[in-house]
Amino acid sequence: MVKFRKAIQNFFDNIANFKAELETLLTLNFRLVNSQTISF
């Protein structure tokens, strides 16, 4: 469990280093319940 906590802490301590990778995982497109799509 200590290794896991250290890995998570390291990630958040260095989150700026992962900005490009994280941005590829995020989207601003949402599917609404009534099936309409909105984009920002």
PDB file of N, CA and C in Angstrom:
ATOM      1  N   MET A   1       0.822  -1.192   0.000  1.00  0.00           N
ATOM      2  CA  MET A   1       0.000   0.000   0.000  1.00  0.00           C
ATOM      3  C   MET A   1       0.871   1.263   0.000  1.00  0.00           C
ATOM      4  N   VAL A   2       2.031   1.177   0.582  1.00  0.00           N
ATOM      5  CA  VAL A   2       2.926   2.335   0.632  1.00  0.00           C
ATOM      6  C   VAL A   2       3.384   2.714  -0.777  1.00  0.00           C
ATOM      7  N   LYS A   3       3.690   1.723  -1.603  1.00  0.00           N
ATOM      8  CA  LYS A   3       4.114   2.001  -2.981  1.00  0.00           C
ATOM      9  C   LYS A   3       3.004   2.690  -3.763  1.00  0.00           C
ATOM     10  N   PHE A   4       1.790   2.224  -3.563  1.00  0.00           N
ATOM     11  CA  PHE A   4       0.646   2.816  -4.251  1.00  0.00           C
ATOM     12  C   PHE A   4       0.487   4.275  -3.856  1.00  0.00           C
ATOM     13  N   ARG A   5       0.529   4.555  -2.566  1.00  0.00           N
ATOM     14  CA  ARG A   5       0.386   5.935  -2.090  1.00  0.00           C
ATOM     15  C   ARG A   5       1.502   6.816  -2.624  1.00  0.00           C
ATOM     16  N   LYS A   6       2.714   6.293  -2.660  1.00  0.00           N
ATOM     17  CA  LYS A   6       3.839   7.072  -3.186  1.00  0.00           C
ATOM     18  C   LYS A   6       3.665   7.345  -4.675  1.00  0.00           C
ATOM     19  N   ALA A   7       3.159   6.365  -5.413  1.00  0.00           N
ATOM     20  CA  ALA A   7       2.936   6.548  -6.848  1.00  0.00           C
ATOM     21  C   ALA A   7       1.863   7.608  -7.093  1.00  0.00           C
ATOM     22  N   ILE A   8       0.789   7.571  -6.321  1.00  0.00           N
ATOM     23  CA  ILE A   8      -0.280   8.560  -6.467  1.00  0.00           C
ATOM     24  C   ILE A   8       0.230   9.944  -6.086  1.00  0.00           C
ATOM     25  N   GLN A   9       0.958  10.032  -4.985  1.00  0.00           N
ATOM     26  CA  GLN A   9       1.504  11.324  -4.557  1.00  0.00           C
ATOM     27  C   GLN A   9       2.467  11.874  -5.597  1.00  0.00           C
ATOM     28  N   ASN A  10       3.285  11.008  -6.177  1.00  0.00           N
ATOM     29  CA  ASN A  10       4.225  11.425  -7.220  1.00  0.00           C
ATOM     30  C   ASN A  10       3.478  11.963  -8.439  1.00  0.00           C
ATOM     31  N   PHE A  11       2.394  11.289  -8.807  1.00  0.00           N
ATOM     32  CA  PHE A  11       1.590  11.751  -9.932  1.00  0.00           C
ATOM     33  C   PHE A  11       1.075  13.169  -9.686  1.00  0.00           C
ATOM     34  N   PHE A  12       0.472  13.396  -8.519  1.00  0.00           N
ATOM     35  CA  PHE A  12      -0.090  14.716  -8.234  1.00  0.00           C
ATOM     36  C   PHE A  12       0.991  15.772  -8.013  1.00  0.00           C
ATOM     37  N   ASP A  13       2.125  15.377  -7.483  1.00  0.00           N
ATOM     38  CA  ASP A  13       3.231  16.320  -7.321  1.00  0.00           C
ATOM     39  C   ASP A  13       3.774  16.781  -8.666  1.00  0.00           C
ATOM     40  N   ASN A  14       3.632  15.922  -9.673  1.00  0.00           N
ATOM     41  CA  ASN A  14       4.185  16.204 -11.002  1.00  0.00           C
ATOM     42  C   ASN A  14       3.112  16.247 -12.078  1.00  0.00           C
ATOM     43  N   ILE A  15       1.902  16.598 -11.703  1.00  0.00           N
ATOM     44  CA  ILE A  15       0.773  16.551 -12.638  1.00  0.00           C
ATOM     45  C   ILE A  15       1.006  17.427 -13.867  1.00  0.00           C
ATOM     46  N   ALA A  16       1.736  18.511 -13.713  1.00  0.00           N
ATOM     47  CA  ALA A  16       2.010  19.385 -14.861  1.00  0.00           C
ATOM     48  C   ALA A  16       2.767  18.642 -15.955  1.00  0.00           C
ATOM     49  N   ASN A  17       3.564  17.660 -15.573  1.00  0.00           N
ATOM     50  CA  ASN A  17       4.316  16.871 -16.553  1.00  0.00           C
ATOM     51  C   ASN A  17       3.404  15.985 -17.406  1.00  0.00           C
ATOM     52  N   PHE A  18       2.205  15.750 -16.932  1.00  0.00           N
ATOM     53  CA  PHE A  18       1.274  14.864 -17.624  1.00  0.00           C
ATOM     54  C   PHE A  18       0.168  15.626 -18.337  1.00  0.00           C
ATOM     55  N   LYS A  19       0.300  16.946 -18.437  1.00  0.00           N
ATOM     56  CA  LYS A  19      -0.766  17.787 -18.999  1.00  0.00           C
ATOM     57  C   LYS A  19      -1.196  17.333 -20.397  1.00  0.00           C
ATOM     58  N   ALA A  20      -0.252  17.145 -21.285  1.00  0.00           N
ATOM     59  CA  ALA A  20      -0.595  16.763 -22.664  1.00  0.00           C
ATOM     60  C   ALA A  20      -1.334  15.427 -22.702  1.00  0.00           C
ATOM     61  N   GLU A  21      -0.866  14.459 -21.923  1.00  0.00           N
ATOM     62  CA  GLU A  21      -1.513  13.150 -21.903  1.00  0.00           C
ATOM     63  C   GLU A  21      -2.922  13.239 -21.319  1.00  0.00           C
ATOM     64  N   LEU A  22      -3.070  14.033 -20.258  1.00  0.00           N
ATOM     65  CA  LEU A  22      -4.386  14.170 -19.633  1.00  0.00           C
ATOM     66  C   LEU A  22      -5.367  14.886 -20.548  1.00  0.00           C
ATOM     67  N   GLU A  23      -4.896  15.878 -21.276  1.00  0.00           N
ATOM     68  CA  GLU A  23      -5.785  16.604 -22.175  1.00  0.00           C
ATOM     69  C   GLU A  23      -6.353  15.700 -23.259  1.00  0.00           C
ATOM     70  N   THR A  24      -5.606  14.694 -23.682  1.00  0.00           N
ATOM     71  CA  THR A  24      -6.111  13.782 -24.703  1.00  0.00           C
ATOM     72  C   THR A  24      -7.222  12.892 -24.154  1.00  0.00           C
ATOM     73  N   LEU A  25      -7.309  12.769 -22.831  1.00  0.00           N
ATOM     74  CA  LEU A  25      -8.332  11.926 -22.216  1.00  0.00           C
ATOM     75  C   LEU A  25      -9.601  12.696 -21.870  1.00  0.00           C
ATOM     76  N   LEU A  26      -9.527  14.013 -21.934  1.00  0.00           N
ATOM     77  CA  LEU A  26     -10.665  14.844 -21.560  1.00  0.00           C
ATOM     78  C   LEU A  26     -11.423  15.303 -22.791  1.00  0.00           C
ATOM     79  N   THR A  27     -12.699  15.455 -22.641  1.00  0.00           N
ATOM     80  CA  THR A  27     -13.533  15.952 -23.728  1.00  0.00           C
ATOM     81  C   THR A  27     -14.543  16.945 -23.176  1.00  0.00           C
ATOM     82  N   LEU A  28     -14.913  17.906 -23.976  1.00  0.00           N
ATOM     83  CA  LEU A  28     -15.931  18.863 -23.579  1.00  0.00           C
ATOM     84  C   LEU A  28     -17.232  18.609 -24.324  1.00  0.00           C
ATOM     85  N   ASN A  29     -17.369  17.419 -24.884  1.00  0.00           N
ATOM     86  CA  ASN A  29     -18.620  17.022 -25.549  1.00  0.00           C
ATOM     87  C   ASN A  29     -19.419  16.166 -24.576  1.00  0.00           C
ATOM     88  N   PHE A  30     -20.681  16.502 -24.430  1.00  0.00           N
ATOM     89  CA  PHE A  30     -21.528  15.773 -23.504  1.00  0.00           C
ATOM     90  C   PHE A  30     -22.788  15.307 -24.220  1.00  0.00           C
ATOM     91  N   ARG A  31     -23.215  14.110 -23.915  1.00  0.00           N
ATOM     92  CA  ARG A  31     -24.460  13.577 -24.465  1.00  0.00           C
ATOM     93  C   ARG A  31     -25.545  13.806 -23.428  1.00  0.00           C
ATOM     94  N   LEU A  32     -26.563  14.539 -23.808  1.00  0.00           N
ATOM     95  CA  LEU A  32     -27.658  14.827 -22.898  1.00  0.00           C
ATOM     96  C   LEU A  32     -28.657  13.674 -22.916  1.00  0.00           C
ATOM     97  N   VAL A  33     -29.469  13.606 -21.899  1.00  0.00           N
ATOM     98  CA  VAL A  33     -30.452  12.529 -21.768  1.00  0.00           C
ATOM     99  C   VAL A  33     -31.384  12.467 -22.961  1.00  0.00           C
ATOM    100  N   ASN A  34     -31.755  13.618 -23.498  1.00  0.00           N
ATOM    101  CA  ASN A  34     -32.670  13.623 -24.633  1.00  0.00           C
ATOM    102  C   ASN A  34     -31.912  13.517 -25.973  1.00  0.00           C
ATOM    103  N   SER A  35     -30.700  13.011 -25.943  1.00  0.00           N
ATOM    104  CA  SER A  35     -29.882  12.687 -27.118  1.00  0.00           C
ATOM    105  C   SER A  35     -29.394  13.885 -27.916  1.00  0.00           C
ATOM    106  N   GLN A  36     -29.389  15.048 -27.345  1.00  0.00           N
ATOM    107  CA  GLN A  36     -28.801  16.205 -28.009  1.00  0.00           C
ATOM    108  C   GLN A  36     -27.341  16.328 -27.571  1.00  0.00           C
ATOM    109  N   THR A  37     -26.470  16.724 -28.473  1.00  0.00           N
ATOM    110  CA  THR A  37     -25.047  16.887 -28.155  1.00  0.00           C
ATOM    111  C   THR A  37     -24.723  18.364 -28.085  1.00  0.00           C
ATOM    112  N   ILE A  38     -23.931  18.735 -27.085  1.00  0.00           N
ATOM    113  CA  ILE A  38     -23.455  20.107 -26.987  1.00  0.00           C
ATOM    114  C   ILE A  38     -21.935  20.090 -26.964  1.00  0.00           C
ATOM    115  N   SER A  39     -21.335  21.109 -27.471  1.00  0.00           N
ATOM    116  CA  SER A  39     -19.880  21.237 -27.479  1.00  0.00           C
ATOM    117  C   SER A  39     -19.501  22.622 -27.000  1.00  0.00           C
ATOM    118  N   PHE A  40     -18.348  22.709 -26.375  1.00  0.00           N
ATOM    119  CA  PHE A  40     -17.819  23.991 -25.929  1.00  0.00           C
ATOM    120  C   PHE A  40     -16.551  24.310 -26.663  1.00  0.00           C
TER     121      PHE A  40
END
